[in-house]
Amino acid sequence: MSVPSHSFPSKYEPKTYWDDRARRFAAQGEGLAAVCSYGMPAYYNGLTHLAQRLALARWLRVRPGTRVLDVGCGVGRWSRLLASRRAVVTGVDLSGEMIAEAERRAARAGVAHRCRFLVQDAAALDVGGTFDLVLAVTVLQHILDPAALSEAVERMADHLAPGGRAVLLEAAPASLSTRCDSTVFKARTRAAYLRLFSAHGLTLRALTGVDPAPFKPWLLPRLRSLPKPLATPAIAAVTALSAPVDLPFGRIATARSWHAVFVLERERLVRPRISYTARGQCA
């Protein structure tokens, strides 16, 4: 097992960064190192994926024919799952390398006929039509520019059909913490996200947790300063300690969770109330 030696770029150019991650890791195993923690061992990212899948399970029970937009689809792990349940899925990602791998994996899984994959920036999202489910997993936390973040949320809201649902899983601690922030990642509080969603006409219907164990957020900022003889067992220990907390309690220990699942709906348009004067004229 290797310990991540990658240092984050001094200047974050998202497309270049994610294309590079895809070239390094997307074709390896389940491709989780390309879309979860950078270059971490398979068992560490496997735990991350399993905790996310358990947190999302309730919200990904779709009927055949459900129209799904998977924003920041990466290697297509959620797109393939939903297509296997006979949803009609559009997956978009900024990285053409990720999209190419998503297409290959969908073909191997036999669900390519229910998937289409497009290279698009979330902040300029325009795939035509609306969707019953808009899904984004650990996407907004990598959009650092406030204007681009706001635009991405607006574009996702615009693609949500009446009566549809947006399900967003993001690093969103209950209180502000910058210890894991880097040039490619920013943890915003869940209150900050809720204000952003409300500003774009999205109403919260449910909020659940993912990973309440404190060990991974403690380890990651320190990992690259640890010598390899200490880093390797530290990763193993943190994984072992996190699993019995995150897997059974992730969904219910929301207040302590580092990540959160936001389940949102579009606010219905309300017609302005018209009052009348005594003469019957509009006031």
C-alpha atoms as a PDB file:
ATOM      1  CA  MET A   1       0.000   0.000   0.000  1.00  0.00           C
ATOM      2  CA  SER A   2       1.266   3.461  -0.836  1.00  0.00           C
ATOM      3  CA  VAL A   3       0.678   6.595   1.180  1.00  0.00           C
ATOM      4  CA  PRO A   4      -0.540   9.635  -0.763  1.00  0.00           C
ATOM      5  CA  SER A   5       2.350  11.933  -1.605  1.00  0.00           C
ATOM      6  CA  HIS A   6       0.388  14.315  -3.832  1.00  0.00           C
ATOM      7  CA  SER A   7       0.475  17.944  -2.706  1.00  0.00           C
ATOM      8  CA  PHE A   8      -2.435  20.115  -3.737  1.00  0.00           C
ATOM      9  CA  PRO A   9      -1.703  22.588  -6.524  1.00  0.00           C
ATOM     10  CA  SER A  10      -0.979  26.181  -5.568  1.00  0.00           C
ATOM     11  CA  LYS A  11      -3.470  27.245  -8.245  1.00  0.00           C
ATOM     12  CA  TYR A  12      -6.600  25.158  -8.678  1.00  0.00           C
ATOM     13  CA  GLU A  13      -7.626  24.703 -12.296  1.00  0.00           C
ATOM     14  CA  PRO A  14     -10.573  22.330 -11.887  1.00  0.00           C
ATOM     15  CA  LYS A  15     -10.631  20.675 -15.304  1.00  0.00           C
ATOM     16  CA  THR A  16      -6.867  20.069 -15.292  1.00  0.00           C
ATOM     17  CA  TYR A  17      -6.955  18.777 -11.722  1.00  0.00           C
ATOM     18  CA  TRP A  18      -9.816  16.321 -12.245  1.00  0.00           C
ATOM     19  CA  ASP A  19      -8.526  15.120 -15.593  1.00  0.00           C
ATOM     20  CA  ASP A  20      -5.224  14.334 -13.860  1.00  0.00           C
ATOM     21  CA  ARG A  21      -6.987  12.451 -11.065  1.00  0.00           C
ATOM     22  CA  ALA A  22      -8.920  10.468 -13.635  1.00  0.00           C
ATOM     23  CA  ARG A  23      -5.782   9.541 -15.561  1.00  0.00           C
ATOM     24  CA  ARG A  24      -4.106   8.396 -12.341  1.00  0.00           C
ATOM     25  CA  PHE A  25      -6.907   6.473 -10.691  1.00  0.00           C
ATOM     26  CA  ALA A  26     -10.182   6.211 -12.686  1.00  0.00           C
ATOM     27  CA  ALA A  27      -9.386   2.884 -14.335  1.00  0.00           C
ATOM     28  CA  GLN A  28      -8.029   1.262 -11.167  1.00  0.00           C
ATOM     29  CA  GLY A  29     -10.333  -1.110  -9.315  1.00  0.00           C
ATOM     30  CA  GLU A  30     -13.613   0.615  -8.588  1.00  0.00           C
ATOM     31  CA  GLY A  31     -12.129   3.989  -9.512  1.00  0.00           C
ATOM     32  CA  LEU A  32     -12.854   5.355  -6.040  1.00  0.00           C
ATOM     33  CA  ALA A  33      -9.427   6.939  -5.620  1.00  0.00           C
ATOM     34  CA  ALA A  34     -10.350   9.247  -8.501  1.00  0.00           C
ATOM     35  CA  VAL A  35     -13.504  10.537  -6.814  1.00  0.00           C
ATOM     36  CA  CYS A  36     -13.056   9.999  -3.059  1.00  0.00           C
ATOM     37  CA  SER A  37      -9.913  10.783  -1.027  1.00  0.00           C
ATOM     38  CA  TYR A  38      -6.964  11.370  -3.312  1.00  0.00           C
ATOM     39  CA  GLY A  39      -4.850   8.268  -3.804  1.00  0.00           C
ATOM     40  CA  MET A  40      -5.894   6.613  -0.540  1.00  0.00           C
ATOM     41  CA  PRO A  41      -5.912   2.820  -0.273  1.00  0.00           C
ATOM     42  CA  ALA A  42      -8.869   0.893  -1.603  1.00  0.00           C
ATOM     43  CA  TYR A  43     -10.168  -0.102   1.820  1.00  0.00           C
ATOM     44  CA  TYR A  44     -10.225   3.531   3.024  1.00  0.00           C
ATOM     45  CA  ASN A  45     -12.106   4.801  -0.027  1.00  0.00           C
ATOM     46  CA  GLY A  46     -14.265   1.689   0.046  1.00  0.00           C
ATOM     47  CA  LEU A  47     -15.459   2.665   3.522  1.00  0.00           C
ATOM     48  CA  THR A  48     -16.163   6.191   2.296  1.00  0.00           C
ATOM     49  CA  HIS A  49     -18.209   4.831  -0.605  1.00  0.00           C
ATOM     50  CA  LEU A  50     -20.148   2.419   1.613  1.00  0.00           C
ATOM     51  CA  ALA A  51     -20.994   5.147   4.134  1.00  0.00           C
ATOM     52  CA  GLN A  52     -22.210   7.343   1.289  1.00  0.00           C
ATOM     53  CA  ARG A  53     -24.254   4.538  -0.226  1.00  0.00           C
ATOM     54  CA  LEU A  54     -25.963   3.805   3.086  1.00  0.00           C
ATOM     55  CA  ALA A  55     -26.669   7.514   3.594  1.00  0.00           C
ATOM     56  CA  LEU A  56     -28.176   7.824   0.101  1.00  0.00           C
ATOM     57  CA  ALA A  57     -30.028   4.502  -0.016  1.00  0.00           C
ATOM     58  CA  ARG A  58     -33.411   5.859   1.061  1.00  0.00           C
ATOM     59  CA  TRP A  59     -33.281   8.630  -1.547  1.00  0.00           C
ATOM     60  CA  LEU A  60     -32.118   6.523  -4.500  1.00  0.00           C
ATOM     61  CA  ARG A  61     -35.098   4.170  -4.573  1.00  0.00           C
ATOM     62  CA  VAL A  62     -36.385   5.114  -7.984  1.00  0.00           C
ATOM     63  CA  ARG A  63     -39.148   3.837 -10.201  1.00  0.00           C
ATOM     64  CA  PRO A  64     -38.440   2.607 -13.734  1.00  0.00           C
ATOM     65  CA  GLY A  65     -38.292   5.539 -16.114  1.00  0.00           C
ATOM     66  CA  THR A  66     -37.306   8.082 -13.464  1.00  0.00           C
ATOM     67  CA  ARG A  67     -35.332  10.885 -15.102  1.00  0.00           C
ATOM     68  CA  VAL A  68     -32.088  11.422 -13.216  1.00  0.00           C
ATOM     69  CA  LEU A  69     -29.409  14.085 -13.573  1.00  0.00           C
ATOM     70  CA  ASP A  70     -26.151  13.023 -11.898  1.00  0.00           C
ATOM     71  CA  VAL A  71     -24.035  16.181 -11.522  1.00  0.00           C
ATOM     72  CA  GLY A  72     -20.316  15.607 -11.102  1.00  0.00           C
ATOM     73  CA  CYS A  73     -20.822  11.946 -11.975  1.00  0.00           C
ATOM     74  CA  GLY A  74     -17.105  11.073 -12.025  1.00  0.00           C
ATOM     75  CA  VAL A  75     -16.652   7.441 -13.072  1.00  0.00           C
ATOM     76  CA  GLY A  76     -20.439   6.964 -12.980  1.00  0.00           C
ATOM     77  CA  ARG A  77     -20.782   4.981  -9.763  1.00  0.00           C
ATOM     78  CA  TRP A  78     -24.232   6.440  -8.951  1.00  0.00           C
ATOM     79  CA  SER A  79     -25.302   6.683 -12.588  1.00  0.00           C
ATOM     80  CA  ARG A  80     -24.760   2.941 -13.046  1.00  0.00           C
ATOM     81  CA  LEU A  81     -26.607   2.106  -9.843  1.00  0.00           C
ATOM     82  CA  LEU A  82     -29.640   4.141 -10.866  1.00  0.00           C
ATOM     83  CA  ALA A  83     -29.564   2.858 -14.445  1.00  0.00           C
ATOM     84  CA  SER A  84     -29.522  -0.697 -13.088  1.00  0.00           C
ATOM     85  CA  ARG A  85     -32.815   0.237 -11.402  1.00  0.00           C
ATOM     86  CA  ARG A  86     -34.146   1.230 -14.839  1.00  0.00           C
ATOM     87  CA  ALA A  87     -33.863   4.975 -14.368  1.00  0.00           C
ATOM     88  CA  VAL A  88     -32.963   7.084 -17.392  1.00  0.00           C
ATOM     89  CA  VAL A  89     -29.745   8.808 -16.374  1.00  0.00           C
ATOM     90  CA  THR A  90     -27.817  11.809 -17.647  1.00  0.00           C
ATOM     91  CA  GLY A  91     -24.390  12.085 -16.030  1.00  0.00           C
ATOM     92  CA  VAL A  92     -22.316  15.247 -16.372  1.00  0.00           C
ATOM     93  CA  ASP A  93     -18.787  15.997 -15.276  1.00  0.00           C
ATOM     94  CA  LEU A  94     -16.231  18.715 -15.867  1.00  0.00           C
ATOM     95  CA  SER A  95     -13.572  16.141 -16.720  1.00  0.00           C
ATOM     96  CA  GLY A  96     -13.620  14.493 -20.122  1.00  0.00           C
ATOM     97  CA  GLU A  97     -11.367  11.767 -18.716  1.00  0.00           C
ATOM     98  CA  MET A  98     -13.961  10.961 -16.043  1.00  0.00           C
ATOM     99  CA  ILE A  99     -16.743  10.908 -18.631  1.00  0.00           C
ATOM    100  CA  ALA A 100     -14.792   8.508 -20.870  1.00  0.00           C
ATOM    101  CA  GLU A 101     -14.325   6.124 -17.938  1.00  0.00           C
ATOM    102  CA  ALA A 102     -17.999   6.455 -16.951  1.00  0.00           C
ATOM    103  CA  GLU A 103     -19.005   5.442 -20.473  1.00  0.00           C
ATOM    104  CA  ARG A 104     -16.661   2.431 -20.422  1.00  0.00           C
ATOM    105  CA  ARG A 105     -17.951   1.260 -17.051  1.00  0.00           C
ATOM    106  CA  ALA A 106     -21.607   1.706 -18.061  1.00  0.00           C
ATOM    107  CA  ALA A 107     -20.977  -0.391 -21.176  1.00  0.00           C
ATOM    108  CA  ARG A 108     -19.308  -3.142 -19.150  1.00  0.00           C
ATOM    109  CA  ALA A 109     -22.214  -3.115 -16.690  1.00  0.00           C
ATOM    110  CA  GLY A 110     -24.755  -3.439 -19.520  1.00  0.00           C
ATOM    111  CA  VAL A 111     -26.568  -0.180 -18.697  1.00  0.00           C
ATOM    112  CA  ALA A 112     -25.164   2.106 -21.400  1.00  0.00           C
ATOM    113  CA  HIS A 113     -28.545   2.194 -23.174  1.00  0.00           C
ATOM    114  CA  ARG A 114     -30.047   3.927 -20.131  1.00  0.00           C
ATOM    115  CA  CYS A 115     -27.177   6.396 -19.677  1.00  0.00           C
ATOM    116  CA  ARG A 116     -25.847   9.380 -21.501  1.00  0.00           C
ATOM    117  CA  PHE A 117     -22.731  11.188 -20.323  1.00  0.00           C
ATOM    118  CA  LEU A 118     -21.795  14.791 -21.105  1.00  0.00           C
ATOM    119  CA  VAL A 119     -18.800  16.983 -20.381  1.00  0.00           C
ATOM    120  CA  GLN A 120     -20.198  20.067 -18.655  1.00  0.00           C
ATOM    121  CA  ASP A 121     -19.291  22.494 -15.902  1.00  0.00           C
ATOM    122  CA  ALA A 122     -21.891  22.521 -13.112  1.00  0.00           C
ATOM    123  CA  ALA A 123     -21.830  26.320 -13.105  1.00  0.00           C
ATOM    124  CA  ALA A 124     -22.879  26.346 -16.768  1.00  0.00           C
ATOM    125  CA  LEU A 125     -25.140  23.306 -16.633  1.00  0.00           C
ATOM    126  CA  ASP A 126     -27.503  23.049 -19.603  1.00  0.00           C
ATOM    127  CA  VAL A 127     -28.531  19.559 -20.681  1.00  0.00           C
ATOM    128  CA  GLY A 128     -32.068  20.317 -21.855  1.00  0.00           C
ATOM    129  CA  GLY A 129     -35.262  19.346 -20.084  1.00  0.00           C
ATOM    130  CA  THR A 130     -35.958  18.754 -16.416  1.00  0.00           C
ATOM    131  CA  PHE A 131     -35.418  15.775 -14.128  1.00  0.00           C
ATOM    132  CA  ASP A 132     -37.278  13.958 -11.398  1.00  0.00           C
ATOM    133  CA  LEU A 133     -34.066  13.526  -9.401  1.00  0.00           C
ATOM    134  CA  VAL A 134     -31.012  15.780  -9.411  1.00  0.00           C
ATOM    135  CA  LEU A 135     -28.123  14.122  -7.603  1.00  0.00           C
ATOM    136  CA  ALA A 136     -24.742  15.583  -6.656  1.00  0.00           C
ATOM    137  CA  VAL A 137     -22.273  13.796  -4.380  1.00  0.00           C
ATOM    138  CA  THR A 138     -19.281  15.773  -3.071  1.00  0.00           C
ATOM    139  CA  VAL A 139     -19.415  18.290  -5.906  1.00  0.00           C
ATOM    140  CA  LEU A 140     -20.152  21.691  -4.362  1.00  0.00           C
ATOM    141  CA  GLN A 141     -17.325  21.329  -1.840  1.00  0.00           C
ATOM    142  CA  HIS A 142     -14.864  21.541  -4.744  1.00  0.00           C
ATOM    143  CA  ILE A 143     -16.385  24.727  -6.205  1.00  0.00           C
ATOM    144  CA  LEU A 144     -14.396  27.385  -4.375  1.00  0.00           C
ATOM    145  CA  ASP A 145     -15.546  30.532  -6.159  1.00  0.00           C
ATOM    146  CA  PRO A 146     -18.724  31.868  -4.478  1.00  0.00           C
ATOM    147  CA  ALA A 147     -20.191  33.116  -7.763  1.00  0.00           C
ATOM    148  CA  ALA A 148     -19.615  29.783  -9.495  1.00  0.00           C
ATOM    149  CA  LEU A 149     -21.074  27.960  -6.487  1.00  0.00           C
ATOM    150  CA  SER A 150     -24.215  30.075  -6.585  1.00  0.00           C
ATOM    151  CA  GLU A 151     -24.534  29.557 -10.329  1.00  0.00           C
ATOM    152  CA  ALA A 152     -24.157  25.782  -9.972  1.00  0.00           C
ATOM    153  CA  VAL A 153     -26.964  25.608  -7.400  1.00  0.00           C
ATOM    154  CA  GLU A 154     -29.167  27.801  -9.585  1.00  0.00           C
ATOM    155  CA  ARG A 155     -28.540  25.625 -12.629  1.00  0.00           C
ATOM    156  CA  MET A 156     -29.343  22.447 -10.678  1.00  0.00           C
ATOM    157  CA  ALA A 157     -32.553  24.022  -9.383  1.00  0.00           C
ATOM    158  CA  ASP A 158     -33.511  25.032 -12.926  1.00  0.00           C
ATOM    159  CA  HIS A 159     -33.160  21.406 -14.056  1.00  0.00           C
ATOM    160  CA  LEU A 160     -35.490  20.102 -11.342  1.00  0.00           C
ATOM    161  CA  ALA A 161     -38.962  19.126 -12.544  1.00  0.00           C
ATOM    162  CA  PRO A 162     -42.092  20.155 -10.622  1.00  0.00           C
ATOM    163  CA  GLY A 163     -42.473  17.666  -7.796  1.00  0.00           C
ATOM    164  CA  GLY A 164     -38.895  16.512  -8.297  1.00  0.00           C
ATOM    165  CA  ARG A 165     -36.199  16.169  -5.678  1.00  0.00           C
ATOM    166  CA  ALA A 166     -32.580  17.231  -5.372  1.00  0.00           C
ATOM    167  CA  VAL A 167     -30.300  15.066  -3.235  1.00  0.00           C
ATOM    168  CA  LEU A 168     -26.939  16.628  -2.434  1.00  0.00           C
ATOM    169  CA  LEU A 169     -24.224  15.033  -0.291  1.00  0.00           C
ATOM    170  CA  GLU A 170     -21.500  17.454   0.774  1.00  0.00           C
ATOM    171  CA  ALA A 171     -18.923  18.086   3.471  1.00  0.00           C
ATOM    172  CA  ALA A 172     -21.068  20.266   5.720  1.00  0.00           C
ATOM    173  CA  PRO A 173     -20.134  20.182   9.388  1.00  0.00           C
ATOM    174  CA  ALA A 174     -22.543  21.682  11.896  1.00  0.00           C
ATOM    175  CA  SER A 175     -19.941  24.261  12.952  1.00  0.00           C
ATOM    176  CA  LEU A 176     -17.240  25.934  10.921  1.00  0.00           C
ATOM    177  CA  SER A 177     -14.049  23.939  10.535  1.00  0.00           C
ATOM    178  CA  THR A 178     -11.253  24.764   8.129  1.00  0.00           C
ATOM    179  CA  ARG A 179      -8.775  22.088   9.160  1.00  0.00           C
ATOM    180  CA  CYS A 180      -9.329  20.040   5.992  1.00  0.00           C
ATOM    181  CA  ASP A 181      -9.593  22.988   3.605  1.00  0.00           C
ATOM    182  CA  SER A 182      -7.116  23.102   0.737  1.00  0.00           C
ATOM    183  CA  THR A 183      -6.707  24.708  -2.668  1.00  0.00           C
ATOM    184  CA  VAL A 184      -9.197  22.157  -4.079  1.00  0.00           C
ATOM    185  CA  PHE A 185     -11.677  21.728  -1.215  1.00  0.00           C
ATOM    186  CA  LYS A 186     -13.733  23.851   1.166  1.00  0.00           C
ATOM    187  CA  ALA A 187     -15.949  22.636   3.990  1.00  0.00           C
ATOM    188  CA  ARG A 188     -18.888  25.009   4.416  1.00  0.00           C
ATOM    189  CA  THR A 189     -21.285  24.769   7.318  1.00  0.00           C
ATOM    190  CA  ARG A 190     -24.643  23.197   6.685  1.00  0.00           C
ATOM    191  CA  ALA A 191     -26.269  26.492   7.703  1.00  0.00           C
ATOM    192  CA  ALA A 192     -24.340  28.231   4.913  1.00  0.00           C
ATOM    193  CA  TYR A 193     -25.581  25.642   2.434  1.00  0.00           C
ATOM    194  CA  LEU A 194     -29.147  26.005   3.630  1.00  0.00           C
ATOM    195  CA  ARG A 195     -28.996  29.764   3.096  1.00  0.00           C
ATOM    196  CA  LEU A 196     -27.625  29.188  -0.402  1.00  0.00           C
ATOM    197  CA  PHE A 197     -30.303  26.636  -1.280  1.00  0.00           C
ATOM    198  CA  SER A 198     -33.084  28.877   0.025  1.00  0.00           C
ATOM    199  CA  ALA A 199     -31.760  31.793  -2.038  1.00  0.00           C
ATOM    200  CA  HIS A 200     -32.309  29.667  -5.152  1.00  0.00           C
ATOM    201  CA  GLY A 201     -35.809  28.520  -4.277  1.00  0.00           C
ATOM    202  CA  LEU A 202     -34.924  25.124  -2.813  1.00  0.00           C
ATOM    203  CA  THR A 203     -36.731  23.979   0.328  1.00  0.00           C
ATOM    204  CA  LEU A 204     -35.213  21.464   2.718  1.00  0.00           C
ATOM    205  CA  ARG A 205     -37.289  18.311   3.149  1.00  0.00           C
ATOM    206  CA  ALA A 206     -34.774  16.147   5.016  1.00  0.00           C
ATOM    207  CA  LEU A 207     -31.269  16.387   6.442  1.00  0.00           C
ATOM    208  CA  THR A 208     -29.314  13.304   7.452  1.00  0.00           C
ATOM    209  CA  GLY A 209     -25.745  12.407   8.330  1.00  0.00           C
ATOM    210  CA  VAL A 210     -23.100  10.242   6.723  1.00  0.00           C
ATOM    211  CA  ASP A 211     -19.925   9.907   8.797  1.00  0.00           C
ATOM    212  CA  PRO A 212     -20.028  11.001  12.457  1.00  0.00           C
ATOM    213  CA  ALA A 213     -16.757   9.301  13.434  1.00  0.00           C
ATOM    214  CA  PRO A 214     -14.193  12.096  14.048  1.00  0.00           C
ATOM    215  CA  PHE A 215     -11.107  10.121  13.019  1.00  0.00           C
ATOM    216  CA  LYS A 216     -10.884  10.832   9.273  1.00  0.00           C
ATOM    217  CA  PRO A 217     -11.202  14.637   9.544  1.00  0.00           C
ATOM    218  CA  TRP A 218      -8.544  14.472  12.258  1.00  0.00           C
ATOM    219  CA  LEU A 219      -6.159  12.382  10.154  1.00  0.00           C
ATOM    220  CA  LEU A 220      -6.322  13.955   6.708  1.00  0.00           C
ATOM    221  CA  PRO A 221      -4.773  17.368   7.515  1.00  0.00           C
ATOM    222  CA  ARG A 222      -1.905  15.611   9.316  1.00  0.00           C
ATOM    223  CA  LEU A 223      -1.326  12.724   6.944  1.00  0.00           C
ATOM    224  CA  ARG A 224       1.192  14.242   4.599  1.00  0.00           C
ATOM    225  CA  SER A 225       3.392  15.452   7.446  1.00  0.00           C
ATOM    226  CA  LEU A 226       3.591  11.963   8.942  1.00  0.00           C
ATOM    227  CA  PRO A 227       6.539   9.746   8.026  1.00  0.00           C
ATOM    228  CA  LYS A 228       5.489   6.726   6.001  1.00  0.00           C
ATOM    229  CA  PRO A 229       6.152   4.224   8.829  1.00  0.00           C
ATOM    230  CA  LEU A 230       3.523   6.111  10.866  1.00  0.00           C
ATOM    231  CA  ALA A 231       1.174   7.139   8.055  1.00  0.00           C
ATOM    232  CA  THR A 232       0.466   3.617   6.856  1.00  0.00           C
ATOM    233  CA  PRO A 233      -0.737   2.233  10.214  1.00  0.00           C
ATOM    234  CA  ALA A 234      -2.547   5.519  10.923  1.00  0.00           C
ATOM    235  CA  ILE A 235      -4.699   5.087   7.809  1.00  0.00           C
ATOM    236  CA  ALA A 236      -5.477   1.494   8.741  1.00  0.00           C
ATOM    237  CA  ALA A 237      -6.334   2.429  12.323  1.00  0.00           C
ATOM    238  CA  VAL A 238      -8.592   5.306  11.316  1.00  0.00           C
ATOM    239  CA  THR A 239     -10.436   3.097   8.841  1.00  0.00           C
ATOM    240  CA  ALA A 240     -10.938   0.375  11.452  1.00  0.00           C
ATOM    241  CA  LEU A 241     -12.123   2.855  14.070  1.00  0.00           C
ATOM    242  CA  SER A 242     -14.478   4.709  11.732  1.00  0.00           C
ATOM    243  CA  ALA A 243     -16.345   1.719  10.298  1.00  0.00           C
ATOM    244  CA  PRO A 244     -18.241   0.658  13.469  1.00  0.00           C
ATOM    245  CA  VAL A 245     -19.367   4.264  13.992  1.00  0.00           C
ATOM    246  CA  ASP A 246     -20.115   5.504  10.479  1.00  0.00           C
ATOM    247  CA  LEU A 247     -21.843   2.443   9.046  1.00  0.00           C
ATOM    248  CA  PRO A 248     -24.514   1.828  11.710  1.00  0.00           C
ATOM    249  CA  PHE A 249     -24.957   5.383  12.981  1.00  0.00           C
ATOM    250  CA  GLY A 250     -24.154   7.636  10.018  1.00  0.00           C
ATOM    251  CA  ARG A 251     -27.735   8.442   9.063  1.00  0.00           C
ATOM    252  CA  ILE A 252     -28.962   9.228  12.576  1.00  0.00           C
ATOM    253  CA  ALA A 253     -25.962  11.000  14.129  1.00  0.00           C
ATOM    254  CA  THR A 254     -26.546  14.018  11.927  1.00  0.00           C
ATOM    255  CA  ALA A 255     -25.308  16.672  14.332  1.00  0.00           C
ATOM    256  CA  ARG A 256     -21.879  15.017  14.596  1.00  0.00           C
ATOM    257  CA  SER A 257     -21.504  14.074  10.946  1.00  0.00           C
ATOM    258  CA  TRP A 258     -18.778  15.670   8.824  1.00  0.00           C
ATOM    259  CA  HIS A 259     -20.819  15.195   5.641  1.00  0.00           C
ATOM    260  CA  ALA A 260     -24.549  15.756   5.298  1.00  0.00           C
ATOM    261  CA  VAL A 261     -27.262  14.691   2.859  1.00  0.00           C
ATOM    262  CA  PHE A 262     -29.597  17.528   1.879  1.00  0.00           C
ATOM    263  CA  VAL A 263     -32.931  16.499   0.369  1.00  0.00           C
ATOM    264  CA  LEU A 264     -34.487  19.474  -1.382  1.00  0.00           C
ATOM    265  CA  GLU A 265     -37.516  20.440  -3.410  1.00  0.00           C
ATOM    266  CA  ARG A 266     -38.236  23.517  -5.488  1.00  0.00           C
ATOM    267  CA  GLU A 267     -40.519  26.054  -3.929  1.00  0.00           C
ATOM    268  CA  ARG A 268     -43.809  26.266  -5.750  1.00  0.00           C
ATOM    269  CA  LEU A 269     -44.495  29.541  -7.429  1.00  0.00           C
ATOM    270  CA  VAL A 270     -46.994  31.560  -5.442  1.00  0.00           C
ATOM    271  CA  ARG A 271     -49.199  33.972  -7.318  1.00  0.00           C
ATOM    272  CA  PRO A 272     -49.062  37.480  -5.821  1.00  0.00           C
ATOM    273  CA  ARG A 273     -52.166  38.286  -3.843  1.00  0.00           C
ATOM    274  CA  ILE A 274     -54.196  41.062  -5.493  1.00  0.00           C
ATOM    275  CA  SER A 275     -56.230  43.391  -3.354  1.00  0.00           C
ATOM    276  CA  TYR A 276     -59.011  45.610  -4.660  1.00  0.00           C
ATOM    277  CA  THR A 277     -60.258  49.047  -3.803  1.00  0.00           C
ATOM    278  CA  ALA A 278     -63.869  49.766  -2.988  1.00  0.00           C
ATOM    279  CA  ARG A 279     -64.418  50.646  -6.649  1.00  0.00           C
ATOM    280  CA  GLY A 280     -63.163  47.264  -7.797  1.00  0.00           C
ATOM    281  CA  GLN A 281     -59.847  48.526  -9.104  1.00  0.00           C
ATOM    282  CA  CYS A 282     -56.622  46.667  -8.458  1.00  0.00           C
ATOM    283  CA  ALA A 283     -54.618  48.256  -5.670  1.00  0.00           C
END
